[in-house]
Amino acid sequence: MGIGPVLFSGEQIAQRVAELGSAVRRDYEGRPLAIVAVLHGAVTFVSDLLTHLGPDVTVEFLQASSYGSGTASGGQVTLQRYGRLGVAGRDVLIVDDIVDSGHTLAAVRKAVEAMGAASVRTCVLLDKPSRRQVPVAIDFRGFEVPDLFVVGYGLDHAGRYRDLPYIAALKGGG
């Protein structure tokens, strides 16, 4: 498998992340915000998003996986926390790279709500609604993508291609 067509350039991504950051900052103006970023794919996205949010933001990380080394979600989500997430009584924004089947985002949201968050909203860079199996609310969305397996800007296939500064389709994936 190799890299297929570029779907979103680095410039398009930077512009959209700035727009998302402005929208989040506006919605949480004057209120502290706890971000729960989903590892590993959202690291690049959350890092860039943070530069647009202001000082009253904390970041926690949660690892979630439903893909393994394949190109389709298996539906079984594995969550791993790193220490205790400081979300009880706080406004929380879950940040993820992509929502596909909806299983991962739904599982993360349920876990964060169970930890006693005051409110929970979501921000995803990519939305692939054609693959949705579980309904999920997306409050802040970067781009909608067709039913292709995508890589780059933090998204990977079996650990590869995260370093690409753009988002592209994976040849032979899907």
C-alpha atoms as a PDB file:
ATOM      1  CA  MET A   1       0.000   0.000   0.000  1.00  0.00           C
ATOM      2  CA  GLY A   2       1.168   3.497  -0.799  1.00  0.00           C
ATOM      3  CA  ILE A   3      -0.043   7.069  -0.794  1.00  0.00           C
ATOM      4  CA  GLY A   4      -2.929   7.959  -3.078  1.00  0.00           C
ATOM      5  CA  PRO A   5      -4.388  11.359  -3.900  1.00  0.00           C
ATOM      6  CA  VAL A   6      -4.013  14.257  -1.463  1.00  0.00           C
ATOM      7  CA  LEU A   7      -7.408  15.189  -0.023  1.00  0.00           C
ATOM      8  CA  PHE A   8      -6.389  18.164   2.131  1.00  0.00           C
ATOM      9  CA  SER A   9      -3.162  20.133   1.844  1.00  0.00           C
ATOM     10  CA  GLY A  10      -1.184  21.357   4.809  1.00  0.00           C
ATOM     11  CA  GLU A  11      -2.436  24.884   4.100  1.00  0.00           C
ATOM     12  CA  GLN A  12      -6.082  23.768   4.039  1.00  0.00           C
ATOM     13  CA  ILE A  13      -5.607  21.909   7.320  1.00  0.00           C
ATOM     14  CA  ALA A  14      -3.905  24.882   9.009  1.00  0.00           C
ATOM     15  CA  GLN A  15      -6.710  27.211   7.959  1.00  0.00           C
ATOM     16  CA  ARG A  16      -9.443  24.848   9.145  1.00  0.00           C
ATOM     17  CA  VAL A  17      -7.709  24.153  12.485  1.00  0.00           C
ATOM     18  CA  ALA A  18      -7.486  27.928  13.072  1.00  0.00           C
ATOM     19  CA  GLU A  19     -11.222  28.241  12.329  1.00  0.00           C
ATOM     20  CA  LEU A  20     -12.042  25.383  14.705  1.00  0.00           C
ATOM     21  CA  GLY A  21      -9.829  26.918  17.384  1.00  0.00           C
ATOM     22  CA  SER A  22     -11.625  30.249  17.071  1.00  0.00           C
ATOM     23  CA  ALA A  23     -15.022  28.551  17.347  1.00  0.00           C
ATOM     24  CA  VAL A  24     -13.997  26.552  20.431  1.00  0.00           C
ATOM     25  CA  ARG A  25     -12.418  29.597  22.082  1.00  0.00           C
ATOM     26  CA  ARG A  26     -15.568  31.644  21.427  1.00  0.00           C
ATOM     27  CA  ASP A  27     -17.849  28.931  22.875  1.00  0.00           C
ATOM     28  CA  TYR A  28     -15.765  28.515  26.044  1.00  0.00           C
ATOM     29  CA  GLU A  29     -14.886  32.199  26.531  1.00  0.00           C
ATOM     30  CA  GLY A  30     -14.123  32.863  30.194  1.00  0.00           C
ATOM     31  CA  ARG A  31     -14.490  29.222  31.230  1.00  0.00           C
ATOM     32  CA  PRO A  32     -11.734  26.714  31.892  1.00  0.00           C
ATOM     33  CA  LEU A  33     -11.673  23.816  29.473  1.00  0.00           C
ATOM     34  CA  ALA A  34     -10.305  20.292  29.839  1.00  0.00           C
ATOM     35  CA  ILE A  35      -9.353  18.660  26.566  1.00  0.00           C
ATOM     36  CA  VAL A  36      -9.222  14.881  26.348  1.00  0.00           C
ATOM     37  CA  ALA A  37      -7.155  14.049  23.279  1.00  0.00           C
ATOM     38  CA  VAL A  38      -7.403  10.573  21.812  1.00  0.00           C
ATOM     39  CA  LEU A  39      -4.010   8.989  21.185  1.00  0.00           C
ATOM     40  CA  HIS A  40      -2.238   8.535  18.901  1.00  0.00           C
ATOM     41  CA  GLY A  41      -3.862  10.024  15.846  1.00  0.00           C
ATOM     42  CA  ALA A  42      -5.070  13.274  17.428  1.00  0.00           C
ATOM     43  CA  VAL A  43      -1.649  14.380  18.732  1.00  0.00           C
ATOM     44  CA  THR A  44      -0.795  16.547  15.718  1.00  0.00           C
ATOM     45  CA  PHE A  45      -4.305  17.990  15.545  1.00  0.00           C
ATOM     46  CA  VAL A  46      -4.580  18.790  19.260  1.00  0.00           C
ATOM     47  CA  SER A  47      -1.106  20.328  19.273  1.00  0.00           C
ATOM     48  CA  ASP A  48      -2.032  22.722  16.471  1.00  0.00           C
ATOM     49  CA  LEU A  49      -5.509  23.369  17.911  1.00  0.00           C
ATOM     50  CA  LEU A  50      -4.037  24.387  21.275  1.00  0.00           C
ATOM     51  CA  THR A  51      -2.215  27.324  19.698  1.00  0.00           C
ATOM     52  CA  HIS A  52      -5.639  28.890  19.009  1.00  0.00           C
ATOM     53  CA  LEU A  53      -7.338  28.274  22.367  1.00  0.00           C
ATOM     54  CA  GLY A  54      -5.765  30.485  25.002  1.00  0.00           C
ATOM     55  CA  PRO A  55      -4.298  29.865  28.446  1.00  0.00           C
ATOM     56  CA  ASP A  56      -7.194  28.393  30.429  1.00  0.00           C
ATOM     57  CA  VAL A  57      -6.989  24.937  28.835  1.00  0.00           C
ATOM     58  CA  THR A  58      -5.622  21.680  30.201  1.00  0.00           C
ATOM     59  CA  VAL A  59      -4.928  18.572  28.154  1.00  0.00           C
ATOM     60  CA  GLU A  60      -5.303  14.943  29.152  1.00  0.00           C
ATOM     61  CA  PHE A  61      -4.647  11.919  26.951  1.00  0.00           C
ATOM     62  CA  LEU A  62      -6.594   8.736  26.499  1.00  0.00           C
ATOM     63  CA  GLN A  63      -5.597   5.929  24.178  1.00  0.00           C
ATOM     64  CA  ALA A  64      -8.385   4.362  22.188  1.00  0.00           C
ATOM     65  CA  SER A  65      -8.202   1.877  19.377  1.00  0.00           C
ATOM     66  CA  SER A  66     -10.587  -0.090  17.228  1.00  0.00           C
ATOM     67  CA  TYR A  67      -8.451  -0.660  14.120  1.00  0.00           C
ATOM     68  CA  GLY A  68      -5.360  -2.653  15.075  1.00  0.00           C
ATOM     69  CA  SER A  69      -3.303  -2.906  11.890  1.00  0.00           C
ATOM     70  CA  GLY A  70      -6.275  -3.194   9.525  1.00  0.00           C
ATOM     71  CA  THR A  71      -8.093  -0.587   7.471  1.00  0.00           C
ATOM     72  CA  ALA A  72     -11.559  -1.105   8.970  1.00  0.00           C
ATOM     73  CA  SER A  73     -12.793  -0.623  12.516  1.00  0.00           C
ATOM     74  CA  GLY A  74     -13.440  -3.896  14.265  1.00  0.00           C
ATOM     75  CA  GLY A  75     -16.095  -2.292  16.466  1.00  0.00           C
ATOM     76  CA  GLN A  76     -14.377  -3.447  19.671  1.00  0.00           C
ATOM     77  CA  VAL A  77     -12.861  -0.373  21.363  1.00  0.00           C
ATOM     78  CA  THR A  78      -9.964  -0.599  23.784  1.00  0.00           C
ATOM     79  CA  LEU A  79      -9.420   2.391  26.123  1.00  0.00           C
ATOM     80  CA  GLN A  80      -6.330   3.046  28.199  1.00  0.00           C
ATOM     81  CA  ARG A  81      -5.943   5.966  30.574  1.00  0.00           C
ATOM     82  CA  TYR A  82      -2.636   7.397  31.687  1.00  0.00           C
ATOM     83  CA  GLY A  83      -3.255   8.191  35.339  1.00  0.00           C
ATOM     84  CA  ARG A  84      -6.473   9.757  36.536  1.00  0.00           C
ATOM     85  CA  LEU A  85      -8.117  12.108  34.069  1.00  0.00           C
ATOM     86  CA  GLY A  86      -8.897  15.423  35.734  1.00  0.00           C
ATOM     87  CA  VAL A  87     -12.337  15.913  34.225  1.00  0.00           C
ATOM     88  CA  ALA A  88     -14.756  15.645  37.167  1.00  0.00           C
ATOM     89  CA  GLY A  89     -16.927  18.757  37.345  1.00  0.00           C
ATOM     90  CA  ARG A  90     -15.231  20.305  34.283  1.00  0.00           C
ATOM     91  CA  ASP A  91     -16.282  21.243  30.787  1.00  0.00           C
ATOM     92  CA  VAL A  92     -14.594  18.691  28.526  1.00  0.00           C
ATOM     93  CA  LEU A  93     -13.837  18.734  24.839  1.00  0.00           C
ATOM     94  CA  ILE A  94     -12.912  15.354  23.371  1.00  0.00           C
ATOM     95  CA  VAL A  95     -10.522  15.856  20.449  1.00  0.00           C
ATOM     96  CA  ASP A  96     -10.020  13.062  17.927  1.00  0.00           C
ATOM     97  CA  ASP A  97      -8.519  12.767  14.477  1.00  0.00           C
ATOM     98  CA  ILE A  98     -11.381  10.991  12.728  1.00  0.00           C
ATOM     99  CA  VAL A  99     -14.822   9.591  13.425  1.00  0.00           C
ATOM    100  CA  ASP A 100     -15.657   6.642  11.224  1.00  0.00           C
ATOM    101  CA  SER A 101     -17.946   3.938  12.630  1.00  0.00           C
ATOM    102  CA  GLY A 102     -18.575   6.040  15.745  1.00  0.00           C
ATOM    103  CA  HIS A 103     -17.597   3.231  18.131  1.00  0.00           C
ATOM    104  CA  THR A 104     -14.430   4.917  19.419  1.00  0.00           C
ATOM    105  CA  LEU A 105     -15.907   8.379  19.952  1.00  0.00           C
ATOM    106  CA  ALA A 106     -19.001   6.919  21.634  1.00  0.00           C
ATOM    107  CA  ALA A 107     -16.837   4.823  23.984  1.00  0.00           C
ATOM    108  CA  VAL A 108     -14.602   7.768  24.887  1.00  0.00           C
ATOM    109  CA  ARG A 109     -17.604  10.016  25.483  1.00  0.00           C
ATOM    110  CA  LYS A 110     -19.246   7.408  27.723  1.00  0.00           C
ATOM    111  CA  ALA A 111     -16.015   7.008  29.729  1.00  0.00           C
ATOM    112  CA  VAL A 112     -15.575  10.786  30.169  1.00  0.00           C
ATOM    113  CA  GLU A 113     -19.208  11.219  31.211  1.00  0.00           C
ATOM    114  CA  ALA A 114     -18.785   8.389  33.754  1.00  0.00           C
ATOM    115  CA  MET A 115     -15.842  10.315  35.248  1.00  0.00           C
ATOM    116  CA  GLY A 116     -18.245  13.123  36.192  1.00  0.00           C
ATOM    117  CA  ALA A 117     -17.582  15.788  33.557  1.00  0.00           C
ATOM    118  CA  ALA A 118     -19.904  18.795  33.844  1.00  0.00           C
ATOM    119  CA  SER A 119     -20.324  18.883  30.060  1.00  0.00           C
ATOM    120  CA  VAL A 120     -18.886  16.897  27.167  1.00  0.00           C
ATOM    121  CA  ARG A 121     -18.519  18.086  23.586  1.00  0.00           C
ATOM    122  CA  THR A 122     -16.523  16.728  20.676  1.00  0.00           C
ATOM    123  CA  CYS A 123     -14.110  18.101  18.096  1.00  0.00           C
ATOM    124  CA  VAL A 124     -12.921  15.926  15.223  1.00  0.00           C
ATOM    125  CA  LEU A 125     -10.683  16.800  12.331  1.00  0.00           C
ATOM    126  CA  LEU A 126     -12.279  14.335   9.917  1.00  0.00           C
ATOM    127  CA  ASP A 127     -15.783  12.936   9.740  1.00  0.00           C
ATOM    128  CA  LYS A 128     -16.632   9.910   7.596  1.00  0.00           C
ATOM    129  CA  PRO A 129     -20.441   9.702   7.990  1.00  0.00           C
ATOM    130  CA  SER A 130     -20.856   7.047   5.294  1.00  0.00           C
ATOM    131  CA  ARG A 131     -19.290   4.487   7.691  1.00  0.00           C
ATOM    132  CA  ARG A 132     -21.315   5.405  10.794  1.00  0.00           C
ATOM    133  CA  GLN A 133     -22.616   2.440  12.785  1.00  0.00           C
ATOM    134  CA  VAL A 134     -23.156   4.233  16.087  1.00  0.00           C
ATOM    135  CA  PRO A 135     -24.770   7.681  16.240  1.00  0.00           C
ATOM    136  CA  VAL A 136     -22.427  10.298  17.723  1.00  0.00           C
ATOM    137  CA  ALA A 137     -22.757  14.037  18.158  1.00  0.00           C
ATOM    138  CA  ILE A 138     -19.953  16.067  16.602  1.00  0.00           C
ATOM    139  CA  ASP A 139     -19.869  19.632  17.880  1.00  0.00           C
ATOM    140  CA  PHE A 140     -16.830  20.870  15.957  1.00  0.00           C
ATOM    141  CA  ARG A 141     -15.926  19.222  12.620  1.00  0.00           C
ATOM    142  CA  GLY A 142     -12.965  19.953  10.398  1.00  0.00           C
ATOM    143  CA  PHE A 143     -13.690  18.173   7.132  1.00  0.00           C
ATOM    144  CA  GLU A 144     -16.018  15.492   5.843  1.00  0.00           C
ATOM    145  CA  VAL A 145     -14.225  12.697   3.986  1.00  0.00           C
ATOM    146  CA  PRO A 146     -15.484  10.049   1.595  1.00  0.00           C
ATOM    147  CA  ASP A 147     -15.295   6.349   2.362  1.00  0.00           C
ATOM    148  CA  LEU A 148     -11.520   6.078   1.904  1.00  0.00           C
ATOM    149  CA  PHE A 149      -8.817   5.044   4.340  1.00  0.00           C
ATOM    150  CA  VAL A 150      -6.850   8.230   4.995  1.00  0.00           C
ATOM    151  CA  VAL A 151      -3.370   8.884   6.328  1.00  0.00           C
ATOM    152  CA  GLY A 152      -1.204  11.857   7.210  1.00  0.00           C
ATOM    153  CA  TYR A 153      -1.309  14.701   9.726  1.00  0.00           C
ATOM    154  CA  GLY A 154      -1.232  12.176  12.564  1.00  0.00           C
ATOM    155  CA  LEU A 155      -3.419   9.502  10.973  1.00  0.00           C
ATOM    156  CA  ASP A 156      -1.659   6.244  10.241  1.00  0.00           C
ATOM    157  CA  HIS A 157      -1.872   2.828   8.722  1.00  0.00           C
ATOM    158  CA  ALA A 158      -0.155   0.264  10.982  1.00  0.00           C
ATOM    159  CA  GLY A 159       1.977   3.052  12.488  1.00  0.00           C
ATOM    160  CA  ARG A 160       3.106   4.531   9.164  1.00  0.00           C
ATOM    161  CA  TYR A 161       2.428   7.871   7.440  1.00  0.00           C
ATOM    162  CA  ARG A 162       1.649   9.933  10.571  1.00  0.00           C
ATOM    163  CA  ASP A 163       4.432  12.334   9.576  1.00  0.00           C
ATOM    164  CA  LEU A 164       2.848  13.522   6.325  1.00  0.00           C
ATOM    165  CA  PRO A 165       1.989  17.268   6.474  1.00  0.00           C
ATOM    166  CA  TYR A 166      -1.190  16.658   4.468  1.00  0.00           C
ATOM    167  CA  ILE A 167      -4.042  14.129   4.439  1.00  0.00           C
ATOM    168  CA  ALA A 168      -4.186  11.612   1.603  1.00  0.00           C
ATOM    169  CA  ALA A 169      -6.020   8.455   0.654  1.00  0.00           C
ATOM    170  CA  LEU A 170      -4.163   5.187   1.127  1.00  0.00           C
ATOM    171  CA  LYS A 171      -3.797   3.239  -2.109  1.00  0.00           C
ATOM    172  CA  GLY A 172      -5.392  -0.156  -1.701  1.00  0.00           C
ATOM    173  CA  GLY A 173      -7.052   0.866   1.598  1.00  0.00           C
ATOM    174  CA  GLY A 174     -10.724   1.281   2.240  1.00  0.00           C
END
